[in-house]
Amino acid sequence: MGITRKQDEFPDALELAPEVEEQVQEIMDHYYSLRGWILETGLPSKEKLSEPGLEEEAEEFDSGGPYEDWAGVPRPATMPKWGS
């Protein structure tokens, strides 16, 4: 899983069926909603960032960060097979 919605994906090695992928997206929508995050981006909404204790994070997001250029966790060229 990543920092943004675009990066929240399972490794290709799992080969999810399309109907399972659709269910995963629905679950992610529900999760993001519960957290107060924006469904399209997976980032906290302005309302969420205005909550007490999140002032520093709100400033960071207003300045374009902290994850603006994060490409995600590096992945190996080939994934090891389970049980090997």
Foldseek 3Di string as FASTA:
>chain_A
DWQWPVQPDDDCVVVDDPVVVVVVLVVQQVVCVVQCHDSVISHHDPVNCPDPPNVVVNVQVVVPDDCNPPPTDDDDPDDDDPPD
